Protein backbone atom coordinates (compact mmCIF):
# COMPACT_ATOMS: atom_id res chain seq x y z
CA UNK A 1 3.47 13.02 18.97
CA UNK A 2 3.40 10.35 21.83
CA UNK A 3 4.88 7.51 20.03
CA UNK A 4 5.58 6.30 16.61
CA UNK A 5 2.26 4.76 16.07
CA UNK A 6 0.46 8.20 16.49
CA UNK A 7 2.53 9.67 13.84
CA UNK A 8 2.11 7.03 11.23
CA UNK A 9 -1.68 7.23 11.76
CA UNK A 10 -1.52 11.03 11.24
CA UNK A 11 0.81 10.73 7.93
CA UNK A 12 -1.52 7.90 6.68
CA UNK A 13 -4.59 9.97 7.04
CA UNK A 14 -2.75 12.85 5.50
CA UNK A 15 -0.98 11.42 2.57
CA UNK A 16 -3.03 7.89 2.04
CA UNK A 17 0.27 6.17 2.52
CA UNK A 18 2.46 5.03 5.32
CA UNK A 19 5.98 6.84 5.59
CA UNK A 20 7.70 4.20 3.99
CA UNK A 21 5.17 3.97 1.07
CA UNK A 22 5.04 7.92 0.67
CA UNK A 23 9.02 8.10 0.69
CA UNK A 24 9.15 5.03 -2.17
CA UNK A 25 6.60 6.93 -4.05
CA UNK A 26 8.21 10.18 -4.05
CA UNK A 27 11.78 9.18 -4.16
CA UNK A 28 11.97 6.01 -6.79
CA UNK A 29 15.61 5.25 -5.43
CA UNK A 30 14.41 4.09 -2.04
CA UNK A 31 14.36 0.32 -1.65
CA UNK A 32 12.81 -0.66 1.33
CA UNK A 33 11.19 -4.56 0.98
CA UNK A 34 8.46 -3.33 3.46
CA UNK A 35 7.20 0.01 1.41
CA UNK A 36 5.93 -2.52 -1.78
CA UNK A 37 3.39 -3.94 0.54
CA UNK A 38 3.20 -1.63 3.50
CA UNK A 39 -0.01 0.28 2.07
CA UNK A 40 -2.30 -2.54 3.11
CA UNK A 41 -0.33 -4.63 5.35
CA UNK A 42 -0.79 -2.58 8.58
CA UNK A 43 3.05 -3.10 9.45
CA UNK A 44 4.72 0.56 9.13
CA UNK A 45 8.50 0.93 9.48
CA UNK A 46 10.13 4.24 9.55
């Protein structure tokens, strides 16, 4: 991938969630304040 935005876009297309949202859903112990609202915010953080 050329940069993080490309990876995040591909990840969202494949999983339906941004990386942090997917991690929070898969691993319930992940506590990232951005994960809860990241699905629709457009601001994805790894």
